[in-house]
ModelCIF file with pLDDT and N, C-alpha, C, O atoms, coordinates in Angstrom:
data_MODEL
#
_entry.id   MODEL 
#
_entity.id                         1 
_entity.type                       polymer 
_entity.pdbx_number_of_molecules   1 
#
_entity_poly.entity_id                      1 
_entity_poly.type                           'polypeptide(L)' 
_entity_poly.nstd_linkage                   no 
_entity_poly.nstd_monomer                   no 
_entity_poly.pdbx_seq_one_letter_code       GFSEPQYVVRIDSSNAEVIVGPQSALNTYDFEISNVNWLGDLPFEGE 
_entity_poly.pdbx_seq_one_letter_code_can   GFSEPQYVVRIDSSNAEVIVGPQSALNTYDFEISNVNWLGDLPFEGE 
_entity_poly.pdbx_strand_id                 A 
#
loop_
_entity_poly_seq.entity_id 
_entity_poly_seq.num 
_entity_poly_seq.mon_id 
_entity_poly_seq.hetero 
1 1  GLY n 
1 2  PHE n 
1 3  SER n 
1 4  GLU n 
1 5  PRO n 
1 6  GLN n 
1 7  TYR n 
1 8  VAL n 
1 9  VAL n 
1 10 ARG n 
1 11 ILE n 
1 12 ASP n 
1 13 SER n 
1 14 SER n 
1 15 ASN n 
1 16 ALA n 
1 17 GLU n 
1 18 VAL n 
1 19 ILE n 
1 20 VAL n 
1 21 GLY n 
1 22 PRO n 
1 23 GLN n 
1 24 SER n 
1 25 ALA n 
1 26 LEU n 
1 27 ASN n 
1 28 THR n 
1 29 TYR n 
1 30 ASP n 
1 31 PHE n 
1 32 GLU n 
1 33 ILE n 
1 34 SER n 
1 35 ASN n 
1 36 VAL n 
1 37 ASN n 
1 38 TRP n 
1 39 LEU n 
1 40 GLY n 
1 41 ASP n 
1 42 LEU n 
1 43 PRO n 
1 44 PHE n 
1 45 GLU n 
1 46 GLY n 
1 47 GLU n 
#
_struct_asym.id          A 
_struct_asym.entity_id   1 
#
loop_
_ma_qa_metric.id 
_ma_qa_metric.mode 
_ma_qa_metric.name 
_ma_qa_metric.software_group_id 
_ma_qa_metric.type 
1 global pLDDT . pLDDT 
2 local  pLDDT . pLDDT 
#
_ma_qa_metric_global.metric_id      1 
_ma_qa_metric_global.metric_value   92.94 
_ma_qa_metric_global.model_id       1 
_ma_qa_metric_global.ordinal_id     1 
#
loop_
_ma_qa_metric_local.label_asym_id 
_ma_qa_metric_local.label_comp_id 
_ma_qa_metric_local.label_seq_id 
_ma_qa_metric_local.metric_id 
_ma_qa_metric_local.metric_value 
_ma_qa_metric_local.model_id 
_ma_qa_metric_local.ordinal_id 
A GLY 1  2 88.00 1 1  
A PHE 2  2 91.00 1 2  
A SER 3  2 91.00 1 3  
A GLU 4  2 94.00 1 4  
A PRO 5  2 94.00 1 5  
A GLN 6  2 96.00 1 6  
A TYR 7  2 96.00 1 7  
A VAL 8  2 96.00 1 8  
A VAL 9  2 95.00 1 9  
A ARG 10 2 94.00 1 10 
A ILE 11 2 94.00 1 11 
A ASP 12 2 93.00 1 12 
A SER 13 2 91.00 1 13 
A SER 14 2 91.00 1 14 
A ASN 15 2 93.00 1 15 
A ALA 16 2 93.00 1 16 
A GLU 17 2 96.00 1 17 
A VAL 18 2 96.00 1 18 
A ILE 19 2 96.00 1 19 
A VAL 20 2 97.00 1 20 
A GLY 21 2 96.00 1 21 
A PRO 22 2 96.00 1 22 
A GLN 23 2 95.00 1 23 
A SER 24 2 94.00 1 24 
A ALA 25 2 94.00 1 25 
A LEU 26 2 94.00 1 26 
A ASN 27 2 93.00 1 27 
A THR 28 2 93.00 1 28 
A TYR 29 2 93.00 1 29 
A ASP 30 2 93.00 1 30 
A PHE 31 2 95.00 1 31 
A GLU 32 2 96.00 1 32 
A ILE 33 2 96.00 1 33 
A SER 34 2 96.00 1 34 
A ASN 35 2 96.00 1 35 
A VAL 36 2 97.00 1 36 
A ASN 37 2 97.00 1 37 
A TRP 38 2 97.00 1 38 
A LEU 39 2 97.00 1 39 
A GLY 40 2 95.00 1 40 
A ASP 41 2 93.00 1 41 
A LEU 42 2 89.00 1 42 
A PRO 43 2 89.00 1 43 
A PHE 44 2 91.00 1 44 
A GLU 45 2 83.00 1 45 
A GLY 46 2 75.00 1 46 
A GLU 47 2 70.00 1 47 
#
loop_
_atom_site.group_PDB 
_atom_site.id 
_atom_site.type_symbol 
_atom_site.label_atom_id 
_atom_site.label_alt_id 
_atom_site.label_comp_id 
_atom_site.label_asym_id 
_atom_site.label_entity_id 
_atom_site.label_seq_id 
_atom_site.pdbx_PDB_ins_code 
_atom_site.Cartn_x 
_atom_site.Cartn_y 
_atom_site.Cartn_z 
_atom_site.occupancy 
_atom_site.B_iso_or_equiv 
_atom_site.pdbx_formal_charge 
_atom_site.auth_seq_id 
_atom_site.auth_comp_id 
_atom_site.auth_asym_id 
_atom_site.auth_atom_id 
_atom_site.pdbx_PDB_model_num 
ATOM 1   N N  . GLY A 1 1  ? -82.215 123.753 174.797 1.00 88.00 ? 1  GLY A N  1 
ATOM 2   C CA . GLY A 1 1  ? -82.587 122.815 175.838 1.00 88.00 ? 1  GLY A CA 1 
ATOM 3   C C  . GLY A 1 1  ? -81.823 121.514 175.811 1.00 88.00 ? 1  GLY A C  1 
ATOM 4   O O  . GLY A 1 1  ? -82.307 120.515 176.344 1.00 88.00 ? 1  GLY A O  1 
ATOM 5   N N  . PHE A 1 2  ? -80.631 121.485 175.205 1.00 91.00 ? 2  PHE A N  1 
ATOM 6   C CA . PHE A 1 2  ? -79.841 120.256 175.094 1.00 91.00 ? 2  PHE A CA 1 
ATOM 7   C C  . PHE A 1 2  ? -78.643 120.313 176.037 1.00 91.00 ? 2  PHE A C  1 
ATOM 8   O O  . PHE A 1 2  ? -78.101 121.386 176.304 1.00 91.00 ? 2  PHE A O  1 
ATOM 9   N N  . SER A 1 3  ? -78.240 119.162 176.530 1.00 91.00 ? 3  SER A N  1 
ATOM 10  C CA . SER A 1 3  ? -77.104 119.097 177.453 1.00 91.00 ? 3  SER A CA 1 
ATOM 11  C C  . SER A 1 3  ? -75.780 119.298 176.726 1.00 91.00 ? 3  SER A C  1 
ATOM 12  O O  . SER A 1 3  ? -74.778 119.635 177.356 1.00 91.00 ? 3  SER A O  1 
ATOM 13  N N  . GLU A 1 4  ? -75.760 119.096 175.401 1.00 94.00 ? 4  GLU A N  1 
ATOM 14  C CA . GLU A 1 4  ? -74.563 119.324 174.600 1.00 94.00 ? 4  GLU A CA 1 
ATOM 15  C C  . GLU A 1 4  ? -74.957 119.971 173.279 1.00 94.00 ? 4  GLU A C  1 
ATOM 16  O O  . GLU A 1 4  ? -76.086 119.796 172.820 1.00 94.00 ? 4  GLU A O  1 
ATOM 17  N N  . PRO A 1 5  ? -74.041 120.720 172.659 1.00 94.00 ? 5  PRO A N  1 
ATOM 18  C CA . PRO A 1 5  ? -74.365 121.424 171.417 1.00 94.00 ? 5  PRO A CA 1 
ATOM 19  C C  . PRO A 1 5  ? -74.869 120.468 170.338 1.00 94.00 ? 5  PRO A C  1 
ATOM 20  O O  . PRO A 1 5  ? -74.430 119.322 170.249 1.00 94.00 ? 5  PRO A O  1 
ATOM 21  N N  . GLN A 1 6  ? -75.795 120.959 169.523 1.00 96.00 ? 6  GLN A N  1 
ATOM 22  C CA . GLN A 1 6  ? -76.347 120.185 168.420 1.00 96.00 ? 6  GLN A CA 1 
ATOM 23  C C  . GLN A 1 6  ? -75.843 120.749 167.092 1.00 96.00 ? 6  GLN A C  1 
ATOM 24  O O  . GLN A 1 6  ? -75.685 121.959 166.930 1.00 96.00 ? 6  GLN A O  1 
ATOM 25  N N  . TYR A 1 7  ? -75.594 119.838 166.146 1.00 96.00 ? 7  TYR A N  1 
ATOM 26  C CA . TYR A 1 7  ? -75.071 120.206 164.837 1.00 96.00 ? 7  TYR A CA 1 
ATOM 27  C C  . TYR A 1 7  ? -75.948 119.590 163.746 1.00 96.00 ? 7  TYR A C  1 
ATOM 28  O O  . TYR A 1 7  ? -76.630 118.589 163.969 1.00 96.00 ? 7  TYR A O  1 
ATOM 29  N N  . VAL A 1 8  ? -75.916 120.197 162.579 1.00 96.00 ? 8  VAL A N  1 
ATOM 30  C CA . VAL A 1 8  ? -76.582 119.580 161.426 1.00 96.00 ? 8  VAL A CA 1 
ATOM 31  C C  . VAL A 1 8  ? -75.719 118.406 160.981 1.00 96.00 ? 8  VAL A C  1 
ATOM 32  O O  . VAL A 1 8  ? -74.558 118.587 160.615 1.00 96.00 ? 8  VAL A O  1 
ATOM 33  N N  . VAL A 1 9  ? -76.293 117.190 161.013 1.00 95.00 ? 9  VAL A N  1 
ATOM 34  C CA . VAL A 1 9  ? -75.526 116.008 160.612 1.00 95.00 ? 9  VAL A CA 1 
ATOM 35  C C  . VAL A 1 9  ? -75.994 115.447 159.273 1.00 95.00 ? 9  VAL A C  1 
ATOM 36  O O  . VAL A 1 9  ? -75.275 114.684 158.628 1.00 95.00 ? 9  VAL A O  1 
ATOM 37  N N  . ARG A 1 10 ? -77.195 115.823 158.860 1.00 94.00 ? 10 ARG A N  1 
ATOM 38  C CA . ARG A 1 10 ? -77.681 115.363 157.557 1.00 94.00 ? 10 ARG A CA 1 
ATOM 39  C C  . ARG A 1 10 ? -78.826 116.248 157.115 1.00 94.00 ? 10 ARG A C  1 
ATOM 40  O O  . ARG A 1 10 ? -79.527 116.823 157.948 1.00 94.00 ? 10 ARG A O  1 
ATOM 41  N N  . ILE A 1 11 ? -79.023 116.363 155.806 1.00 94.00 ? 11 ILE A N  1 
ATOM 42  C CA . ILE A 1 11 ? -80.128 117.129 155.242 1.00 94.00 ? 11 ILE A CA 1 
ATOM 43  C C  . ILE A 1 11 ? -80.904 116.224 154.301 1.00 94.00 ? 11 ILE A C  1 
ATOM 44  O O  . ILE A 1 11 ? -80.345 115.712 153.331 1.00 94.00 ? 11 ILE A O  1 
ATOM 45  N N  . ASP A 1 12 ? -82.161 116.025 154.571 1.00 93.00 ? 12 ASP A N  1 
ATOM 46  C CA . ASP A 1 12 ? -83.036 115.166 153.766 1.00 93.00 ? 12 ASP A CA 1 
ATOM 47  C C  . ASP A 1 12 ? -83.900 116.055 152.898 1.00 93.00 ? 12 ASP A C  1 
ATOM 48  O O  . ASP A 1 12 ? -84.938 116.544 153.344 1.00 93.00 ? 12 ASP A O  1 
ATOM 49  N N  . SER A 1 13 ? -83.479 116.270 151.660 1.00 91.00 ? 13 SER A N  1 
ATOM 50  C CA . SER A 1 13 ? -84.194 117.184 150.771 1.00 91.00 ? 13 SER A CA 1 
ATOM 51  C C  . SER A 1 13 ? -85.559 116.653 150.366 1.00 91.00 ? 13 SER A C  1 
ATOM 52  O O  . SER A 1 13 ? -86.489 117.433 150.159 1.00 91.00 ? 13 SER A O  1 
ATOM 53  N N  . SER A 1 14 ? -85.694 115.333 150.249 1.00 91.00 ? 14 SER A N  1 
ATOM 54  C CA . SER A 1 14 ? -86.974 114.764 149.809 1.00 91.00 ? 14 SER A CA 1 
ATOM 55  C C  . SER A 1 14 ? -88.092 115.029 150.812 1.00 91.00 ? 14 SER A C  1 
ATOM 56  O O  . SER A 1 14 ? -89.255 115.168 150.431 1.00 91.00 ? 14 SER A O  1 
ATOM 57  N N  . ASN A 1 15 ? -87.735 115.098 152.104 1.00 93.00 ? 15 ASN A N  1 
ATOM 58  C CA . ASN A 1 15 ? -88.733 115.362 153.148 1.00 93.00 ? 15 ASN A CA 1 
ATOM 59  C C  . ASN A 1 15 ? -88.564 116.747 153.777 1.00 93.00 ? 15 ASN A C  1 
ATOM 60  O O  . ASN A 1 15 ? -89.237 117.075 154.754 1.00 93.00 ? 15 ASN A O  1 
ATOM 61  N N  . ALA A 1 16 ? -87.663 117.559 153.212 1.00 93.00 ? 16 ALA A N  1 
ATOM 62  C CA . ALA A 1 16 ? -87.391 118.903 153.720 1.00 93.00 ? 16 ALA A CA 1 
ATOM 63  C C  . ALA A 1 16 ? -87.045 118.866 155.200 1.00 93.00 ? 16 ALA A C  1 
ATOM 64  O O  . ALA A 1 16 ? -87.474 119.730 155.964 1.00 93.00 ? 16 ALA A O  1 
ATOM 65  N N  . GLU A 1 17 ? -86.274 117.870 155.602 1.00 96.00 ? 17 GLU A N  1 
ATOM 66  C CA . GLU A 1 17 ? -85.905 117.716 157.001 1.00 96.00 ? 17 GLU A CA 1 
ATOM 67  C C  . GLU A 1 17 ? -84.425 118.041 157.220 1.00 96.00 ? 17 GLU A C  1 
ATOM 68  O O  . GLU A 1 17 ? -83.569 117.707 156.401 1.00 96.00 ? 17 GLU A O  1 
ATOM 69  N N  . VAL A 1 18 ? -84.154 118.698 158.343 1.00 96.00 ? 18 VAL A N  1 
ATOM 70  C CA . VAL A 1 18 ? -82.790 118.949 158.793 1.00 96.00 ? 18 VAL A CA 1 
ATOM 71  C C  . VAL A 1 18 ? -82.563 118.085 160.017 1.00 96.00 ? 18 VAL A C  1 
ATOM 72  O O  . VAL A 1 18 ? -83.230 118.273 161.034 1.00 96.00 ? 18 VAL A O  1 
ATOM 73  N N  . ILE A 1 19 ? -81.630 117.136 159.941 1.00 96.00 ? 19 ILE A N  1 
ATOM 74  C CA . ILE A 1 19 ? -81.384 116.202 161.042 1.00 96.00 ? 19 ILE A CA 1 
ATOM 75  C C  . ILE A 1 19 ? -80.207 116.711 161.856 1.00 96.00 ? 19 ILE A C  1 
ATOM 76  O O  . ILE A 1 19 ? -79.151 117.009 161.298 1.00 96.00 ? 19 ILE A O  1 
ATOM 77  N N  . VAL A 1 20 ? -80.374 116.815 163.158 1.00 97.00 ? 20 VAL A N  1 
ATOM 78  C CA . VAL A 1 20 ? -79.324 117.327 164.028 1.00 97.00 ? 20 VAL A CA 1 
ATOM 79  C C  . VAL A 1 20 ? -78.927 116.278 165.054 1.00 97.00 ? 20 VAL A C  1 
ATOM 80  O O  . VAL A 1 20 ? -79.674 115.339 165.330 1.00 97.00 ? 20 VAL A O  1 
ATOM 81  N N  . GLY A 1 21 ? -77.741 116.454 165.610 1.00 96.00 ? 21 GLY A N  1 
ATOM 82  C CA . GLY A 1 21 ? -77.239 115.533 166.618 1.00 96.00 ? 21 GLY A CA 1 
ATOM 83  C C  . GLY A 1 21 ? -75.983 116.078 167.259 1.00 96.00 ? 21 GLY A C  1 
ATOM 84  O O  . GLY A 1 21 ? -75.528 117.165 166.899 1.00 96.00 ? 21 GLY A O  1 
ATOM 85  N N  . PRO A 1 22 ? -75.407 115.338 168.212 1.00 96.00 ? 22 PRO A N  1 
ATOM 86  C CA . PRO A 1 22 ? -74.173 115.784 168.865 1.00 96.00 ? 22 PRO A CA 1 
ATOM 87  C C  . PRO A 1 22 ? -72.998 115.758 167.896 1.00 96.00 ? 22 PRO A C  1 
ATOM 88  O O  . PRO A 1 22 ? -73.087 115.174 166.816 1.00 96.00 ? 22 PRO A O  1 
ATOM 89  N N  . GLN A 1 23 ? -71.912 116.385 168.282 1.00 95.00 ? 23 GLN A N  1 
ATOM 90  C CA . GLN A 1 23 ? -70.741 116.464 167.407 1.00 95.00 ? 23 GLN A CA 1 
ATOM 91  C C  . GLN A 1 23 ? -70.218 115.086 167.022 1.00 95.00 ? 23 GLN A C  1 
ATOM 92  O O  . GLN A 1 23 ? -69.710 114.904 165.916 1.00 95.00 ? 23 GLN A O  1 
ATOM 93  N N  . SER A 1 24 ? -70.339 114.118 167.922 1.00 94.00 ? 24 SER A N  1 
ATOM 94  C CA . SER A 1 24 ? -69.848 112.766 167.629 1.00 94.00 ? 24 SER A CA 1 
ATOM 95  C C  . SER A 1 24 ? -70.533 112.163 166.416 1.00 94.00 ? 24 SER A C  1 
ATOM 96  O O  . SER A 1 24 ? -69.961 111.304 165.745 1.00 94.00 ? 24 SER A O  1 
ATOM 97  N N  . ALA A 1 25 ? -71.769 112.609 166.122 1.00 94.00 ? 25 ALA A N  1 
ATOM 98  C CA . ALA A 1 25 ? -72.510 112.078 164.975 1.00 94.00 ? 25 ALA A CA 1 
ATOM 99  C C  . ALA A 1 25 ? -71.956 112.581 163.648 1.00 94.00 ? 25 ALA A C  1 
ATOM 100 O O  . ALA A 1 25 ? -72.348 112.103 162.584 1.00 94.00 ? 25 ALA A O  1 
ATOM 101 N N  . LEU A 1 26 ? -71.043 113.546 163.714 1.00 94.00 ? 26 LEU A N  1 
ATOM 102 C CA . LEU A 1 26 ? -70.434 114.077 162.495 1.00 94.00 ? 26 LEU A CA 1 
ATOM 103 C C  . LEU A 1 26 ? -69.181 113.313 162.086 1.00 94.00 ? 26 LEU A C  1 
ATOM 104 O O  . LEU A 1 26 ? -68.662 113.513 160.987 1.00 94.00 ? 26 LEU A O  1 
ATOM 105 N N  . ASN A 1 27 ? -68.692 112.438 162.964 1.00 93.00 ? 27 ASN A N  1 
ATOM 106 C CA . ASN A 1 27 ? -67.485 111.679 162.646 1.00 93.00 ? 27 ASN A CA 1 
ATOM 107 C C  . ASN A 1 27 ? -67.709 110.766 161.452 1.00 93.00 ? 27 ASN A C  1 
ATOM 108 O O  . ASN A 1 27 ? -68.636 109.956 161.443 1.00 93.00 ? 27 ASN A O  1 
ATOM 109 N N  . THR A 1 28 ? -66.862 110.900 160.456 1.00 93.00 ? 28 THR A N  1 
ATOM 110 C CA . THR A 1 28 ? -66.982 110.096 159.233 1.00 93.00 ? 28 THR A CA 1 
ATOM 111 C C  . THR A 1 28 ? -65.679 109.336 158.988 1.00 93.00 ? 28 THR A C  1 
ATOM 112 O O  . THR A 1 28 ? -64.595 109.919 159.003 1.00 93.00 ? 28 THR A O  1 
ATOM 113 N N  . TYR A 1 29 ? -65.803 108.037 158.764 1.00 93.00 ? 29 TYR A N  1 
ATOM 114 C CA . TYR A 1 29 ? -64.641 107.192 158.490 1.00 93.00 ? 29 TYR A CA 1 
ATOM 115 C C  . TYR A 1 29 ? -64.551 106.778 157.025 1.00 93.00 ? 29 TYR A C  1 
ATOM 116 O O  . TYR A 1 29 ? -63.454 106.582 156.501 1.00 93.00 ? 29 TYR A O  1 
ATOM 117 N N  . ASP A 1 30 ? -65.700 106.646 156.363 1.00 93.00 ? 30 ASP A N  1 
ATOM 118 C CA . ASP A 1 30 ? -65.656 106.224 154.961 1.00 93.00 ? 30 ASP A CA 1 
ATOM 119 C C  . ASP A 1 30 ? -66.848 106.787 154.204 1.00 93.00 ? 30 ASP A C  1 
ATOM 120 O O  . ASP A 1 30 ? -67.909 107.047 154.772 1.00 93.00 ? 30 ASP A O  1 
ATOM 121 N N  . PHE A 1 31 ? -66.642 106.966 152.917 1.00 95.00 ? 31 PHE A N  1 
ATOM 122 C CA . PHE A 1 31 ? -67.681 107.518 152.041 1.00 95.00 ? 31 PHE A CA 1 
ATOM 123 C C  . PHE A 1 31 ? -67.282 107.234 150.608 1.00 95.00 ? 31 PHE A C  1 
ATOM 124 O O  . PHE A 1 31 ? -66.161 106.802 150.341 1.00 95.00 ? 31 PHE A O  1 
ATOM 125 N N  . GLU A 1 32 ? -68.193 107.475 149.691 1.00 96.00 ? 32 GLU A N  1 
ATOM 126 C CA . GLU A 1 32 ? -67.921 107.259 148.267 1.00 96.00 ? 32 GLU A CA 1 
ATOM 127 C C  . GLU A 1 32 ? -67.824 108.586 147.536 1.00 96.00 ? 32 GLU A C  1 
ATOM 128 O O  . GLU A 1 32 ? -68.429 109.581 147.935 1.00 96.00 ? 32 GLU A O  1 
ATOM 129 N N  . ILE A 1 33 ? -67.060 108.583 146.472 1.00 96.00 ? 33 ILE A N  1 
ATOM 130 C CA . ILE A 1 33 ? -66.928 109.759 145.626 1.00 96.00 ? 33 ILE A CA 1 
ATOM 131 C C  . ILE A 1 33 ? -67.212 109.376 144.173 1.00 96.00 ? 33 ILE A C  1 
ATOM 132 O O  . ILE A 1 33 ? -67.084 108.215 143.783 1.00 96.00 ? 33 ILE A O  1 
ATOM 133 N N  . SER A 1 34 ? -67.595 110.367 143.391 1.00 96.00 ? 34 SER A N  1 
ATOM 134 C CA . SER A 1 34 ? -67.903 110.146 141.973 1.00 96.00 ? 34 SER A CA 1 
ATOM 135 C C  . SER A 1 34 ? -67.147 111.144 141.122 1.00 96.00 ? 34 SER A C  1 
ATOM 136 O O  . SER A 1 34 ? -66.520 112.072 141.632 1.00 96.00 ? 34 SER A O  1 
ATOM 137 N N  . ASN A 1 35 ? -67.216 110.936 139.799 1.00 96.00 ? 35 ASN A N  1 
ATOM 138 C CA . ASN A 1 35 ? -66.561 111.827 138.834 1.00 96.00 ? 35 ASN A CA 1 
ATOM 139 C C  . ASN A 1 35 ? -65.085 112.061 139.173 1.00 96.00 ? 35 ASN A C  1 
ATOM 140 O O  . ASN A 1 35 ? -64.605 113.194 139.200 1.00 96.00 ? 35 ASN A O  1 
ATOM 141 N N  . VAL A 1 36 ? -64.389 110.964 139.428 1.00 97.00 ? 36 VAL A N  1 
ATOM 142 C CA . VAL A 1 36 ? -62.977 111.047 139.804 1.00 97.00 ? 36 VAL A CA 1 
ATOM 143 C C  . VAL A 1 36 ? -62.131 111.537 138.621 1.00 97.00 ? 36 VAL A C  1 
ATOM 144 O O  . VAL A 1 36 ? -62.275 111.057 137.496 1.00 97.00 ? 36 VAL A O  1 
ATOM 145 N N  . ASN A 1 37 ? -61.260 112.486 138.894 1.00 97.00 ? 37 ASN A N  1 
ATOM 146 C CA . ASN A 1 37 ? -60.235 112.906 137.931 1.00 97.00 ? 37 ASN A CA 1 
ATOM 147 C C  . ASN A 1 37 ? -58.905 112.441 138.494 1.00 97.00 ? 37 ASN A C  1 
ATOM 148 O O  . ASN A 1 37 ? -58.475 112.915 139.546 1.00 97.00 ? 37 ASN A O  1 
ATOM 149 N N  . TRP A 1 38 ? -58.254 111.520 137.806 1.00 97.00 ? 38 TRP A N  1 
ATOM 150 C CA . TRP A 1 38 ? -57.033 110.888 138.307 1.00 97.00 ? 38 TRP A CA 1 
ATOM 151 C C  . TRP A 1 38 ? -55.824 111.442 137.585 1.00 97.00 ? 38 TRP A C  1 
ATOM 152 O O  . TRP A 1 38 ? -55.779 111.439 136.355 1.00 97.00 ? 38 TRP A O  1 
ATOM 153 N N  . LEU A 1 39 ? -54.829 111.922 138.345 1.00 97.00 ? 39 LEU A N  1 
ATOM 154 C CA . LEU A 1 39 ? -53.616 112.495 137.772 1.00 97.00 ? 39 LEU A CA 1 
ATOM 155 C C  . LEU A 1 39 ? -52.376 111.708 138.154 1.00 97.00 ? 39 LEU A C  1 
ATOM 156 O O  . LEU A 1 39 ? -51.257 112.187 137.975 1.00 97.00 ? 39 LEU A O  1 
ATOM 157 N N  . GLY A 1 40 ? -52.565 110.497 138.681 1.00 95.00 ? 40 GLY A N  1 
ATOM 158 C CA . GLY A 1 40 ? -51.434 109.662 139.044 1.00 95.00 ? 40 GLY A CA 1 
ATOM 159 C C  . GLY A 1 40 ? -50.804 109.002 137.837 1.00 95.00 ? 40 GLY A C  1 
ATOM 160 O O  . GLY A 1 40 ? -51.343 109.070 136.733 1.00 95.00 ? 40 GLY A O  1 
ATOM 161 N N  . ASP A 1 41 ? -49.656 108.360 138.044 1.00 93.00 ? 41 ASP A N  1 
ATOM 162 C CA . ASP A 1 41 ? -48.929 107.731 136.943 1.00 93.00 ? 41 ASP A CA 1 
ATOM 163 C C  . ASP A 1 41 ? -49.518 106.375 136.551 1.00 93.00 ? 41 ASP A C  1 
ATOM 164 O O  . ASP A 1 41 ? -49.569 106.033 135.370 1.00 93.00 ? 41 ASP A O  1 
ATOM 165 N N  . LEU A 1 42 ? -49.962 105.604 137.553 1.00 89.00 ? 42 LEU A N  1 
ATOM 166 C CA . LEU A 1 42 ? -50.537 104.289 137.274 1.00 89.00 ? 42 LEU A CA 1 
ATOM 167 C C  . LEU A 1 42 ? -52.021 104.400 136.988 1.00 89.00 ? 42 LEU A C  1 
ATOM 168 O O  . LEU A 1 42 ? -52.655 105.350 137.446 1.00 89.00 ? 42 LEU A O  1 
ATOM 169 N N  . PRO A 1 43 ? -52.602 103.459 136.244 1.00 89.00 ? 43 PRO A N  1 
ATOM 170 C CA . PRO A 1 43 ? -54.039 103.498 135.952 1.00 89.00 ? 43 PRO A CA 1 
ATOM 171 C C  . PRO A 1 43 ? -54.880 103.455 137.228 1.00 89.00 ? 43 PRO A C  1 
ATOM 172 O O  . PRO A 1 43 ? -54.501 102.821 138.213 1.00 89.00 ? 43 PRO A O  1 
ATOM 173 N N  . PHE A 1 44 ? -56.008 104.128 137.196 1.00 91.00 ? 44 PHE A N  1 
ATOM 174 C CA . PHE A 1 44 ? -56.920 104.147 138.338 1.00 91.00 ? 44 PHE A CA 1 
ATOM 175 C C  . PHE A 1 44 ? -57.895 102.987 138.170 1.00 91.00 ? 44 PHE A C  1 
ATOM 176 O O  . PHE A 1 44 ? -58.984 103.144 137.618 1.00 91.00 ? 44 PHE A O  1 
ATOM 177 N N  . GLU A 1 45 ? -57.487 101.833 138.654 1.00 83.00 ? 45 GLU A N  1 
ATOM 178 C CA . GLU A 1 45 ? -58.306 100.640 138.461 1.00 83.00 ? 45 GLU A CA 1 
ATOM 179 C C  . GLU A 1 45 ? -57.872 99.562  139.441 1.00 83.00 ? 45 GLU A C  1 
ATOM 180 O O  . GLU A 1 45 ? -56.882 99.707  140.158 1.00 83.00 ? 45 GLU A O  1 
ATOM 181 N N  . GLY A 1 46 ? -58.642 98.472  139.454 1.00 75.00 ? 46 GLY A N  1 
ATOM 182 C CA . GLY A 1 46 ? -58.308 97.349  140.317 1.00 75.00 ? 46 GLY A CA 1 
ATOM 183 C C  . GLY A 1 46 ? -58.931 97.475  141.690 1.00 75.00 ? 46 GLY A C  1 
ATOM 184 O O  . GLY A 1 46 ? -59.542 98.492  142.017 1.00 75.00 ? 46 GLY A O  1 
ATOM 185 N N  . GLU A 1 47 ? -58.771 96.433  142.492 1.00 70.00 ? 47 GLU A N  1 
ATOM 186 C CA . GLU A 1 47 ? -59.359 96.404  143.822 1.00 70.00 ? 47 GLU A CA 1 
ATOM 187 C C  . GLU A 1 47 ? -58.366 96.793  144.910 1.00 70.00 ? 47 GLU A C  1 
ATOM 188 O O  . GLU A 1 47 ? -58.719 96.814  146.089 1.00 70.00 ? 47 GLU A O  1 
#
């Protein structure tokens, strides 16, 4: 019953909820990562 396709955009495990929205809601520009394994030549540090 939606005018445009719906996608899963987030999953809330604490409330057992599946949040859906249009494709535009899936666009991601920035995020954080953990447990980095760095294989570059210079140290992985600094701002």
